[in-house]
Each structure stands twice: as C-alpha cells, then as structure tokens.
Amino acid sequence: MPRIHFGVGTGELLGAMADAGCEVIGVDFRVPLAEGARRAGGRHAVQGNLDPALLFAPWEPVERAVLETLESGAQAPGHIFNLGHGVLPQTDPGVLTRVVELVHERTQRA
C-alpha cells in the first residue's frame, strides 16, 4: 500500500519528508505542485491541493485554479488531486460536483 507523507506548512521540509520514506508527498496549497515535486527530489508522486476557500469564488477562478493545479501536478511522476484540508461546511455541493467533473474530464485516459 502506498504511503503518503503530508504536513501542513511543510513546504521547506519536503525533501526531508521524501527522504523519510514514502511513495507520495502531500503538498499543501501554499506551494505549487511542480515546485513541491522539485523540492522532494522529483522522484515521488504528489498529492495536492486546491485551497478549499477558492470554492466560494465564482466558477471562472475556480476552474482556472483547478486547471493550474492539474498542470502543476503533471510535472511530477504522479498526481492525486484533492482539496487542501477538506471541505468547509458552507461549501456549495454543486461546486464540488463541478470540480470533480472537471478533474475527471481533464484526466481521463484515452
């Protein structure tokens, strides 16, 4: 089973986290995924992360942020898309559905 090493506010520790032994490095939303992968040595998949507060914005900036997250994550050997630190209680479930649909649409393999 793959091990995911994740910490909040640990952008400067990603190299040490990678060296501690895992297959996936969790990168919080404060660090672009491509940069997180670089800091971790470029040999791990990354898990990361859309700022959950962005889900309160109009759709256009949400869509742009999702696409940027996917693009940045594609620079790593693998990418698990998720929300950083979970879903805030006031989040519109319809926005979550749209995010999931967009991620699936853009990551489906032919």
PDB file of N, CA and C in Angstrom:
ATOM      1  N   MET A   1       0.844  -1.174   0.000  1.00  0.00           N
ATOM      2  CA  MET A   1       0.000   0.000   0.000  1.00  0.00           C
ATOM      3  C   MET A   1       0.897   1.246   0.000  1.00  0.00           C
ATOM      4  N   PRO A   2       0.610   2.202  -0.886  1.00  0.00           N
ATOM      5  CA  PRO A   2       1.434   3.420  -0.931  1.00  0.00           C
ATOM      6  C   PRO A   2       1.318   4.227   0.368  1.00  0.00           C
ATOM      7  N   ARG A   3       2.421   4.789   0.753  1.00  0.00           N
ATOM      8  CA  ARG A   3       2.453   5.656   1.935  1.00  0.00           C
ATOM      9  C   ARG A   3       2.499   7.108   1.467  1.00  0.00           C
ATOM     10  N   ILE A   4       1.635   7.941   2.066  1.00  0.00           N
ATOM     11  CA  ILE A   4       1.586   9.367   1.758  1.00  0.00           C
ATOM     12  C   ILE A   4       2.089  10.117   2.982  1.00  0.00           C
ATOM     13  N   HIS A   5       3.085  10.953   2.763  1.00  0.00           N
ATOM     14  CA  HIS A   5       3.613  11.775   3.852  1.00  0.00           C
ATOM     15  C   HIS A   5       3.119  13.195   3.626  1.00  0.00           C
ATOM     16  N   PHE A   6       2.329  13.718   4.565  1.00  0.00           N
ATOM     17  CA  PHE A   6       1.733  15.043   4.403  1.00  0.00           C
ATOM     18  C   PHE A   6       1.868  15.839   5.689  1.00  0.00           C
ATOM     19  N   GLY A   7       2.148  17.110   5.522  1.00  0.00           N
ATOM     20  CA  GLY A   7       2.170  18.025   6.651  1.00  0.00           C
ATOM     21  C   GLY A   7       1.683  19.382   6.208  1.00  0.00           C
ATOM     22  N   VAL A   8       1.132  20.130   7.107  1.00  0.00           N
ATOM     23  CA  VAL A   8       0.637  21.477   6.813  1.00  0.00           C
ATOM     24  C   VAL A   8       1.767  22.474   7.057  1.00  0.00           C
ATOM     25  N   GLY A   9       1.986  23.355   6.091  1.00  0.00           N
ATOM     26  CA  GLY A   9       3.031  24.364   6.239  1.00  0.00           C
ATOM     27  C   GLY A   9       4.433  23.773   6.209  1.00  0.00           C
ATOM     28  N   THR A  10       4.607  22.680   5.484  1.00  0.00           N
ATOM     29  CA  THR A  10       5.892  21.983   5.477  1.00  0.00           C
ATOM     30  C   THR A  10       6.636  22.125   4.149  1.00  0.00           C
ATOM     31  N   GLY A  11       6.356  23.196   3.425  1.00  0.00           N
ATOM     32  CA  GLY A  11       6.982  23.381   2.122  1.00  0.00           C
ATOM     33  C   GLY A  11       8.494  23.291   2.148  1.00  0.00           C
ATOM     34  N   GLU A  12       9.125  23.780   3.211  1.00  0.00           N
ATOM     35  CA  GLU A  12      10.584  23.747   3.304  1.00  0.00           C
ATOM     36  C   GLU A  12      11.105  22.394   3.785  1.00  0.00           C
ATOM     37  N   LEU A  13      10.204  21.505   4.178  1.00  0.00           N
ATOM     38  CA  LEU A  13      10.611  20.190   4.685  1.00  0.00           C
ATOM     39  C   LEU A  13      10.349  19.066   3.690  1.00  0.00           C
ATOM     40  N   LEU A  14       9.909  19.390   2.485  1.00  0.00           N
ATOM     41  CA  LEU A  14       9.501  18.348   1.542  1.00  0.00           C
ATOM     42  C   LEU A  14      10.638  17.392   1.196  1.00  0.00           C
ATOM     43  N   GLY A  15      11.857  17.882   1.087  1.00  0.00           N
ATOM     44  CA  GLY A  15      12.991  16.998   0.823  1.00  0.00           C
ATOM     45  C   GLY A  15      13.201  16.007   1.953  1.00  0.00           C
ATOM     46  N   ALA A  16      13.153  16.488   3.180  1.00  0.00           N
ATOM     47  CA  ALA A  16      13.310  15.600   4.337  1.00  0.00           C
ATOM     48  C   ALA A  16      12.150  14.619   4.443  1.00  0.00           C
ATOM     49  N   MET A  17      10.943  15.086   4.117  1.00  0.00           N
ATOM     50  CA  MET A  17       9.781  14.195   4.142  1.00  0.00           C
ATOM     51  C   MET A  17       9.965  13.080   3.116  1.00  0.00           C
ATOM     52  N   ALA A  18      10.468  13.416   1.934  1.00  0.00           N
ATOM     53  CA  ALA A  18      10.700  12.407   0.899  1.00  0.00           C
ATOM     54  C   ALA A  18      11.748  11.403   1.355  1.00  0.00           C
ATOM     55  N   ASP A  19      12.784  11.895   2.009  1.00  0.00           N
ATOM     56  CA  ASP A  19      13.852  11.015   2.481  1.00  0.00           C
ATOM     57  C   ASP A  19      13.406  10.117   3.625  1.00  0.00           C
ATOM     58  N   ALA A  20      12.321  10.485   4.311  1.00  0.00           N
ATOM     59  CA  ALA A  20      11.830   9.693   5.448  1.00  0.00           C
ATOM     60  C   ALA A  20      11.203   8.379   5.002  1.00  0.00           C
ATOM     61  N   GLY A  21      10.865   8.274   3.714  1.00  0.00           N
ATOM     62  CA  GLY A  21      10.334   7.026   3.195  1.00  0.00           C
ATOM     63  C   GLY A  21       8.847   7.078   2.928  1.00  0.00           C
ATOM     64  N   CYS A  22       8.488   7.199   1.658  1.00  0.00           N
ATOM     65  CA  CYS A  22       7.095   7.197   1.231  1.00  0.00           C
ATOM     66  C   CYS A  22       7.073   7.111  -0.283  1.00  0.00           C
ATOM     67  N   GLU A  23       5.881   6.901  -0.825  1.00  0.00           N
ATOM     68  CA  GLU A  23       5.722   6.887  -2.271  1.00  0.00           C
ATOM     69  C   GLU A  23       5.092   8.184  -2.785  1.00  0.00           C
ATOM     70  N   VAL A  24       4.374   8.881  -1.909  1.00  0.00           N
ATOM     71  CA  VAL A  24       3.651  10.097  -2.287  1.00  0.00           C
ATOM     72  C   VAL A  24       3.953  11.184  -1.268  1.00  0.00           C
ATOM     73  N   ILE A  25       4.210  12.380  -1.762  1.00  0.00           N
ATOM     74  CA  ILE A  25       4.427  13.546  -0.907  1.00  0.00           C
ATOM     75  C   ILE A  25       3.196  14.441  -1.006  1.00  0.00           C
ATOM     76  N   GLY A  26       2.581  14.734   0.136  1.00  0.00           N
ATOM     77  CA  GLY A  26       1.477  15.678   0.179  1.00  0.00           C
ATOM     78  C   GLY A  26       2.019  17.096   0.206  1.00  0.00           C
ATOM     79  N   VAL A  27       1.518  17.926  -0.705  1.00  0.00           N
ATOM     80  CA  VAL A  27       1.970  19.310  -0.805  1.00  0.00           C
ATOM     81  C   VAL A  27       0.772  20.202  -0.517  1.00  0.00           C
ATOM     82  N   ASP A  28       0.865  21.015   0.540  1.00  0.00           N
ATOM     83  CA  ASP A  28      -0.298  21.856   0.828  1.00  0.00           C
ATOM     84  C   ASP A  28      -0.433  22.948  -0.223  1.00  0.00           C
ATOM     85  N   PHE A  29      -1.563  23.619  -0.244  1.00  0.00           N
ATOM     86  CA  PHE A  29      -1.890  24.538  -1.336  1.00  0.00           C
ATOM     87  C   PHE A  29      -1.011  25.777  -1.376  1.00  0.00           C
ATOM     88  N   ARG A  30      -0.143  25.961  -0.415  1.00  0.00           N
ATOM     89  CA  ARG A  30       0.717  27.137  -0.390  1.00  0.00           C
ATOM     90  C   ARG A  30       1.941  27.000  -1.307  1.00  0.00           C
ATOM     91  N   VAL A  31       2.204  25.774  -1.781  1.00  0.00           N
ATOM     92  CA  VAL A  31       3.359  25.512  -2.637  1.00  0.00           C
ATOM     93  C   VAL A  31       2.846  24.907  -3.947  1.00  0.00           C
ATOM     94  N   PRO A  32       3.211  25.473  -5.097  1.00  0.00           N
ATOM     95  CA  PRO A  32       2.809  24.847  -6.363  1.00  0.00           C
ATOM     96  C   PRO A  32       3.330  23.408  -6.429  1.00  0.00           C
ATOM     97  N   LEU A  33       2.536  22.528  -6.987  1.00  0.00           N
ATOM     98  CA  LEU A  33       2.897  21.112  -7.004  1.00  0.00           C
ATOM     99  C   LEU A  33       4.207  20.838  -7.723  1.00  0.00           C
ATOM    100  N   ALA A  34       4.453  21.510  -8.838  1.00  0.00           N
ATOM    101  CA  ALA A  34       5.709  21.300  -9.561  1.00  0.00           C
ATOM    102  C   ALA A  34       6.900  21.669  -8.668  1.00  0.00           C
ATOM    103  N   GLU A  35       6.779  22.745  -7.929  1.00  0.00           N
ATOM    104  CA  GLU A  35       7.844  23.156  -7.011  1.00  0.00           C
ATOM    105  C   GLU A  35       7.965  22.157  -5.862  1.00  0.00           C
ATOM    106  N   GLY A  36       6.837  21.690  -5.350  1.00  0.00           N
ATOM    107  CA  GLY A  36       6.864  20.679  -4.289  1.00  0.00           C
ATOM    108  C   GLY A  36       7.558  19.408  -4.749  1.00  0.00           C
ATOM    109  N   ALA A  37       7.250  18.971  -5.965  1.00  0.00           N
ATOM    110  CA  ALA A  37       7.898  17.780  -6.516  1.00  0.00           C
ATOM    111  C   ALA A  37       9.406  18.004  -6.646  1.00  0.00           C
ATOM    112  N   ARG A  38       9.792  19.190  -7.097  1.00  0.00           N
ATOM    113  CA  ARG A  38      11.220  19.505  -7.218  1.00  0.00           C
ATOM    114  C   ARG A  38      11.904  19.459  -5.860  1.00  0.00           C
ATOM    115  N   ARG A  39      11.272  20.067  -4.857  1.00  0.00           N
ATOM    116  CA  ARG A  39      11.853  20.076  -3.508  1.00  0.00           C
ATOM    117  C   ARG A  39      11.970  18.669  -2.933  1.00  0.00           C
ATOM    118  N   ALA A  40      11.078  17.785  -3.337  1.00  0.00           N
ATOM    119  CA  ALA A  40      11.095  16.397  -2.845  1.00  0.00           C
ATOM    120  C   ALA A  40      12.029  15.518  -3.672  1.00  0.00           C
ATOM    121  N   GLY A  41      12.746  16.102  -4.606  1.00  0.00           N
ATOM    122  CA  GLY A  41      13.715  15.347  -5.376  1.00  0.00           C
ATOM    123  C   GLY A  41      13.197  14.828  -6.704  1.00  0.00           C
ATOM    124  N   GLY A  42      11.941  15.124  -7.040  1.00  0.00           N
ATOM    125  CA  GLY A  42      11.387  14.746  -8.330  1.00  0.00           C
ATOM    126  C   GLY A  42      11.145  13.269  -8.523  1.00  0.00           C
ATOM    127  N   ARG A  43      11.167  12.486  -7.458  1.00  0.00           N
ATOM    128  CA  ARG A  43      11.020  11.036  -7.602  1.00  0.00           C
ATOM    129  C   ARG A  43       9.739  10.479  -6.982  1.00  0.00           C
ATOM    130  N   HIS A  44       8.892  11.353  -6.477  1.00  0.00           N
ATOM    131  CA  HIS A  44       7.658  10.924  -5.818  1.00  0.00           C
ATOM    132  C   HIS A  44       6.433  11.477  -6.543  1.00  0.00           C
ATOM    133  N   ALA A  45       5.351  10.737  -6.444  1.00  0.00           N
ATOM    134  CA  ALA A  45       4.058  11.297  -6.828  1.00  0.00           C
ATOM    135  C   ALA A  45       3.718  12.372  -5.801  1.00  0.00           C
ATOM    136  N   VAL A  46       2.860  13.301  -6.185  1.00  0.00           N
ATOM    137  CA  VAL A  46       2.438  14.346  -5.261  1.00  0.00           C
ATOM    138  C   VAL A  46       0.921  14.280  -5.064  1.00  0.00           C
ATOM    139  N   GLN A  47       0.513  14.652  -3.875  1.00  0.00           N
ATOM    140  CA  GLN A  47      -0.904  14.817  -3.565  1.00  0.00           C
ATOM    141  C   GLN A  47      -1.115  16.292  -3.309  1.00  0.00           C
ATOM    142  N   GLY A  48      -2.033  16.909  -4.019  1.00  0.00           N
ATOM    143  CA  GLY A  48      -2.209  18.308  -3.765  1.00  0.00           C
ATOM    144  C   GLY A  48      -3.153  18.956  -4.741  1.00  0.00           C
ATOM    145  N   ASN A  49      -3.259  20.032  -4.277  1.00  0.00           N
ATOM    146  CA  ASN A  49      -4.163  20.548  -3.304  1.00  0.00           C
ATOM    147  C   ASN A  49      -4.704  21.875  -3.788  1.00  0.00           C
ATOM    148  N   LEU A  50      -5.972  21.946  -3.799  1.00  0.00           N
ATOM    149  CA  LEU A  50      -6.684  23.179  -4.120  1.00  0.00           C
ATOM    150  C   LEU A  50      -7.117  23.809  -2.803  1.00  0.00           C
ATOM    151  N   ASP A  51      -6.878  25.082  -2.654  1.00  0.00           N
ATOM    152  CA  ASP A  51      -7.303  25.806  -1.457  1.00  0.00           C
ATOM    153  C   ASP A  51      -8.827  25.730  -1.366  1.00  0.00           C
ATOM    154  N   PRO A  52      -9.386  25.125  -0.311  1.00  0.00           N
ATOM    155  CA  PRO A  52     -10.834  24.976  -0.223  1.00  0.00           C
ATOM    156  C   PRO A  52     -11.585  26.309  -0.163  1.00  0.00           C
ATOM    157  N   ALA A  53     -10.929  27.382   0.244  1.00  0.00           N
ATOM    158  CA  ALA A  53     -11.581  28.693   0.272  1.00  0.00           C
ATOM    159  C   ALA A  53     -11.894  29.189  -1.137  1.00  0.00           C
ATOM    160  N   LEU A  54     -11.158  28.703  -2.138  1.00  0.00           N
ATOM    161  CA  LEU A  54     -11.417  29.104  -3.524  1.00  0.00           C
ATOM    162  C   LEU A  54     -12.802  28.671  -3.998  1.00  0.00           C
ATOM    163  N   LEU A  55     -13.365  27.666  -3.371  1.00  0.00           N
ATOM    164  CA  LEU A  55     -14.671  27.158  -3.800  1.00  0.00           C
ATOM    165  C   LEU A  55     -15.802  28.140  -3.544  1.00  0.00           C
ATOM    166  N   PHE A  56     -15.529  29.224  -2.846  1.00  0.00           N
ATOM    167  CA  PHE A  56     -16.533  30.266  -2.619  1.00  0.00           C
ATOM    168  C   PHE A  56     -16.482  31.348  -3.702  1.00  0.00           C
ATOM    169  N   ALA A  57     -15.507  31.259  -4.594  1.00  0.00           N
ATOM    170  CA  ALA A  57     -15.364  32.235  -5.682  1.00  0.00           C
ATOM    171  C   ALA A  57     -16.312  31.870  -6.826  1.00  0.00           C
ATOM    172  N   PRO A  58     -16.517  32.794  -7.761  1.00  0.00           N
ATOM    173  CA  PRO A  58     -17.269  32.449  -8.974  1.00  0.00           C
ATOM    174  C   PRO A  58     -16.562  31.307  -9.718  1.00  0.00           C
ATOM    175  N   TRP A  59     -17.287  30.633 -10.601  1.00  0.00           N
ATOM    176  CA  TRP A  59     -16.753  29.439 -11.270  1.00  0.00           C
ATOM    177  C   TRP A  59     -15.475  29.703 -12.054  1.00  0.00           C
ATOM    178  N   GLU A  60     -15.354  30.806 -12.749  1.00  0.00           N
ATOM    179  CA  GLU A  60     -14.193  31.034 -13.608  1.00  0.00           C
ATOM    180  C   GLU A  60     -12.867  30.947 -12.834  1.00  0.00           C
ATOM    181  N   PRO A  61     -12.714  31.621 -11.691  1.00  0.00           N
ATOM    182  CA  PRO A  61     -11.445  31.468 -10.965  1.00  0.00           C
ATOM    183  C   PRO A  61     -11.267  30.068 -10.375  1.00  0.00           C
ATOM    184  N   VAL A  62     -12.360  29.417 -10.016  1.00  0.00           N
ATOM    185  CA  VAL A  62     -12.263  28.044  -9.513  1.00  0.00           C
ATOM    186  C   VAL A  62     -11.736  27.140 -10.623  1.00  0.00           C
ATOM    187  N   GLU A  63     -12.354  27.255 -11.802  1.00  0.00           N
ATOM    188  CA  GLU A  63     -11.927  26.441 -12.934  1.00  0.00           C
ATOM    189  C   GLU A  63     -10.459  26.685 -13.259  1.00  0.00           C
ATOM    190  N   ARG A  64     -10.056  27.932 -13.291  1.00  0.00           N
ATOM    191  CA  ARG A  64      -8.659  28.285 -13.591  1.00  0.00           C
ATOM    192  C   ARG A  64      -7.720  27.651 -12.559  1.00  0.00           C
ATOM    193  N   ALA A  65      -8.084  27.718 -11.277  1.00  0.00           N
ATOM    194  CA  ALA A  65      -7.238  27.149 -10.221  1.00  0.00           C
ATOM    195  C   ALA A  65      -7.158  25.626 -10.326  1.00  0.00           C
ATOM    196  N   VAL A  66      -8.278  24.978 -10.658  1.00  0.00           N
ATOM    197  CA  VAL A  66      -8.270  23.524 -10.836  1.00  0.00           C
ATOM    198  C   VAL A  66      -7.330  23.153 -11.978  1.00  0.00           C
ATOM    199  N   LEU A  67      -7.450  23.847 -13.107  1.00  0.00           N
ATOM    200  CA  LEU A  67      -6.600  23.549 -14.263  1.00  0.00           C
ATOM    201  C   LEU A  67      -5.129  23.817 -13.969  1.00  0.00           C
ATOM    202  N   GLU A  68      -4.840  24.881 -13.240  1.00  0.00           N
ATOM    203  CA  GLU A  68      -3.457  25.178 -12.856  1.00  0.00           C
ATOM    204  C   GLU A  68      -2.911  24.097 -11.931  1.00  0.00           C
ATOM    205  N   THR A  69      -3.742  23.615 -11.017  1.00  0.00           N
ATOM    206  CA  THR A  69      -3.327  22.543 -10.107  1.00  0.00           C
ATOM    207  C   THR A  69      -3.021  21.270 -10.899  1.00  0.00           C
ATOM    208  N   LEU A  70      -3.886  20.932 -11.851  1.00  0.00           N
ATOM    209  CA  LEU A  70      -3.644  19.749 -12.676  1.00  0.00           C
ATOM    210  C   LEU A  70      -2.370  19.892 -13.505  1.00  0.00           C
ATOM    211  N   GLU A  71      -2.164  21.061 -14.074  1.00  0.00           N
ATOM    212  CA  GLU A  71      -0.966  21.298 -14.885  1.00  0.00           C
ATOM    213  C   GLU A  71       0.298  21.195 -14.044  1.00  0.00           C
ATOM    214  N   SER A  72       0.275  21.798 -12.873  1.00  0.00           N
ATOM    215  CA  SER A  72       1.433  21.760 -11.998  1.00  0.00           C
ATOM    216  C   SER A  72       1.689  20.328 -11.515  1.00  0.00           C
ATOM    217  N   GLY A  73       0.625  19.609 -11.175  1.00  0.00           N
ATOM    218  CA  GLY A  73       0.771  18.221 -10.726  1.00  0.00           C
ATOM    219  C   GLY A  73       1.291  17.299 -11.802  1.00  0.00           C
ATOM    220  N   ALA A  74       1.040  17.634 -13.055  1.00  0.00           N
ATOM    221  CA  ALA A  74       1.501  16.800 -14.170  1.00  0.00           C
ATOM    222  C   ALA A  74       3.021  16.808 -14.293  1.00  0.00           C
ATOM    223  N   GLN A  75       3.696  17.723 -13.611  1.00  0.00           N
ATOM    224  CA  GLN A  75       5.158  17.787 -13.656  1.00  0.00           C
ATOM    225  C   GLN A  75       5.795  16.722 -12.770  1.00  0.00           C
ATOM    226  N   ALA A  76       5.014  16.078 -11.926  1.00  0.00           N
ATOM    227  CA  ALA A  76       5.515  15.034 -11.022  1.00  0.00           C
ATOM    228  C   ALA A  76       5.287  13.660 -11.646  1.00  0.00           C
ATOM    229  N   PRO A  77       5.935  12.626 -11.122  1.00  0.00           N
ATOM    230  CA  PRO A  77       5.729  11.279 -11.642  1.00  0.00           C
ATOM    231  C   PRO A  77       4.289  10.764 -11.498  1.00  0.00           C
ATOM    232  N   GLY A  78       3.505  11.381 -10.656  1.00  0.00           N
ATOM    233  CA  GLY A  78       2.096  11.046 -10.463  1.00  0.00           C
ATOM    234  C   GLY A  78       1.443  12.150  -9.668  1.00  0.00           C
ATOM    235  N   HIS A  79       0.119  12.240  -9.734  1.00  0.00           N
ATOM    236  CA  HIS A  79      -0.584  13.322  -9.035  1.00  0.00           C
ATOM    237  C   HIS A  79      -1.935  12.833  -8.554  1.00  0.00           C
ATOM    238  N   ILE A  80      -2.222  13.078  -7.288  1.00  0.00           N
ATOM    239  CA  ILE A  80      -3.533  12.856  -6.681  1.00  0.00           C
ATOM    240  C   ILE A  80      -4.116  14.231  -6.406  1.00  0.00           C
ATOM    241  N   PHE A  81      -5.212  14.570  -7.072  1.00  0.00           N
ATOM    242  CA  PHE A  81      -5.847  15.879  -6.877  1.00  0.00           C
ATOM    243  C   PHE A  81      -6.747  15.800  -5.649  1.00  0.00           C
ATOM    244  N   ASN A  82      -6.688  16.818  -4.805  1.00  0.00           N
ATOM    245  CA  ASN A  82      -7.625  16.909  -3.696  1.00  0.00           C
ATOM    246  C   ASN A  82      -7.707  18.334  -3.173  1.00  0.00           C
ATOM    247  N   LEU A  83      -8.611  18.523  -2.229  1.00  0.00           N
ATOM    248  CA  LEU A  83      -8.734  19.810  -1.556  1.00  0.00           C
ATOM    249  C   LEU A  83      -7.794  19.814  -0.370  1.00  0.00           C
ATOM    250  N   GLY A  84      -7.103  20.912  -0.199  1.00  0.00           N
ATOM    251  CA  GLY A  84      -6.247  21.034   0.966  1.00  0.00           C
ATOM    252  C   GLY A  84      -7.084  21.178   2.227  1.00  0.00           C
ATOM    253  N   HIS A  85      -6.923  20.283   3.151  1.00  0.00           N
ATOM    254  CA  HIS A  85      -7.533  20.349   4.480  1.00  0.00           C
ATOM    255  C   HIS A  85      -9.045  20.171   4.466  1.00  0.00           C
ATOM    256  N   GLY A  86      -9.598  19.574   3.437  1.00  0.00           N
ATOM    257  CA  GLY A  86     -11.004  19.192   3.456  1.00  0.00           C
ATOM    258  C   GLY A  86     -11.964  20.264   2.959  1.00  0.00           C
ATOM    259  N   VAL A  87     -13.224  19.913   3.058  1.00  0.00           N
ATOM    260  CA  VAL A  87     -14.305  20.758   2.566  1.00  0.00           C
ATOM    261  C   VAL A  87     -14.865  21.584   3.719  1.00  0.00           C
ATOM    262  N   LEU A  88     -14.946  22.876   3.519  1.00  0.00           N
ATOM    263  CA  LEU A  88     -15.539  23.742   4.543  1.00  0.00           C
ATOM    264  C   LEU A  88     -17.057  23.516   4.569  1.00  0.00           C
ATOM    265  N   PRO A  89     -17.678  23.559   5.745  1.00  0.00           N
ATOM    266  CA  PRO A  89     -19.095  23.216   5.872  1.00  0.00           C
ATOM    267  C   PRO A  89     -20.040  24.031   4.995  1.00  0.00           C
ATOM    268  N   GLN A  90     -19.709  25.269   4.697  1.00  0.00           N
ATOM    269  CA  GLN A  90     -20.602  26.131   3.921  1.00  0.00           C
ATOM    270  C   GLN A  90     -20.438  25.960   2.408  1.00  0.00           C
ATOM    271  N   THR A  91     -19.566  25.052   1.977  1.00  0.00           N
ATOM    272  CA  THR A  91     -19.287  24.874   0.551  1.00  0.00           C
ATOM    273  C   THR A  91     -20.516  24.344  -0.182  1.00  0.00           C
ATOM    274  N   ASP A  92     -20.805  24.937  -1.318  1.00  0.00           N
ATOM    275  CA  ASP A  92     -21.909  24.507  -2.170  1.00  0.00           C
ATOM    276  C   ASP A  92     -21.561  23.147  -2.781  1.00  0.00           C
ATOM    277  N   PRO A  93     -22.351  22.109  -2.523  1.00  0.00           N
ATOM    278  CA  PRO A  93     -22.058  20.787  -3.100  1.00  0.00           C
ATOM    279  C   PRO A  93     -22.029  20.806  -4.631  1.00  0.00           C
ATOM    280  N   GLY A  94     -22.780  21.710  -5.253  1.00  0.00           N
ATOM    281  CA  GLY A  94     -22.764  21.814  -6.705  1.00  0.00           C
ATOM    282  C   GLY A  94     -21.403  22.213  -7.242  1.00  0.00           C
ATOM    283  N   VAL A  95     -20.696  23.066  -6.510  1.00  0.00           N
ATOM    284  CA  VAL A  95     -19.347  23.467  -6.928  1.00  0.00           C
ATOM    285  C   VAL A  95     -18.401  22.265  -6.814  1.00  0.00           C
ATOM    286  N   LEU A  96     -18.557  21.495  -5.753  1.00  0.00           N
ATOM    287  CA  LEU A  96     -17.728  20.295  -5.603  1.00  0.00           C
ATOM    288  C   LEU A  96     -17.954  19.329  -6.763  1.00  0.00           C
ATOM    289  N   THR A  97     -19.204  19.168  -7.146  1.00  0.00           N
ATOM    290  CA  THR A  97     -19.533  18.290  -8.271  1.00  0.00           C
ATOM    291  C   THR A  97     -18.861  18.783  -9.538  1.00  0.00           C
ATOM    292  N   ARG A  98     -18.921  20.071  -9.775  1.00  0.00           N
ATOM    293  CA  ARG A  98     -18.291  20.635 -10.980  1.00  0.00           C
ATOM    294  C   ARG A  98     -16.775  20.443 -10.961  1.00  0.00           C
ATOM    295  N   VAL A  99     -16.156  20.606  -9.790  1.00  0.00           N
ATOM    296  CA  VAL A  99     -14.710  20.400  -9.677  1.00  0.00           C
ATOM    297  C   VAL A  99     -14.367  18.947 -10.006  1.00  0.00           C
ATOM    298  N   VAL A 100     -15.096  18.013  -9.416  1.00  0.00           N
ATOM    299  CA  VAL A 100     -14.827  16.595  -9.673  1.00  0.00           C
ATOM    300  C   VAL A 100     -15.015  16.276 -11.156  1.00  0.00           C
ATOM    301  N   GLU A 101     -16.085  16.770 -11.748  1.00  0.00           N
ATOM    302  CA  GLU A 101     -16.325  16.533 -13.171  1.00  0.00           C
ATOM    303  C   GLU A 101     -15.195  17.100 -14.029  1.00  0.00           C
ATOM    304  N   LEU A 102     -14.718  18.293 -13.700  1.00  0.00           N
ATOM    305  CA  LEU A 102     -13.632  18.908 -14.459  1.00  0.00           C
ATOM    306  C   LEU A 102     -12.347  18.090 -14.330  1.00  0.00           C
ATOM    307  N   VAL A 103     -12.034  17.670 -13.123  1.00  0.00           N
ATOM    308  CA  VAL A 103     -10.826  16.860 -12.919  1.00  0.00           C
ATOM    309  C   VAL A 103     -10.934  15.558 -13.710  1.00  0.00           C
ATOM    310  N   HIS A 104     -12.075  14.899 -13.633  1.00  0.00           N
ATOM    311  CA  HIS A 104     -12.250  13.652 -14.387  1.00  0.00           C
ATOM    312  C   HIS A 104     -12.151  13.889 -15.886  1.00  0.00           C
ATOM    313  N   GLU A 105     -12.769  14.951 -16.353  1.00  0.00           N
ATOM    314  CA  GLU A 105     -12.738  15.272 -17.780  1.00  0.00           C
ATOM    315  C   GLU A 105     -11.309  15.481 -18.274  1.00  0.00           C
ATOM    316  N   ARG A 106     -10.513  16.184 -17.488  1.00  0.00           N
ATOM    317  CA  ARG A 106      -9.156  16.548 -17.913  1.00  0.00           C
ATOM    318  C   ARG A 106      -8.136  15.440 -17.661  1.00  0.00           C
ATOM    319  N   THR A 107      -8.493  14.441 -16.867  1.00  0.00           N
ATOM    320  CA  THR A 107      -7.505  13.407 -16.534  1.00  0.00           C
ATOM    321  C   THR A 107      -7.868  12.026 -17.067  1.00  0.00           C
ATOM    322  N   GLN A 108      -8.981  11.911 -17.772  1.00  0.00           N
ATOM    323  CA  GLN A 108      -9.341  10.615 -18.346  1.00  0.00           C
ATOM    324  C   GLN A 108      -8.316  10.199 -19.351  1.00  0.00           C
ATOM    325  N   ARG A 109      -7.978   8.926 -19.304  1.00  0.00           N
ATOM    326  CA  ARG A 109      -7.030   8.393 -20.279  1.00  0.00           C
ATOM    327  C   ARG A 109      -7.779   7.843 -21.473  1.00  0.00           C
ATOM    328  N   ALA A 110      -7.212   8.076 -22.622  1.00  0.00           N
ATOM    329  CA  ALA A 110      -7.836   7.594 -23.869  1.00  0.00           C
ATOM    330  C   ALA A 110      -7.701   6.099 -24.024  1.00  0.00           C
TER     331      ALA A 110
END
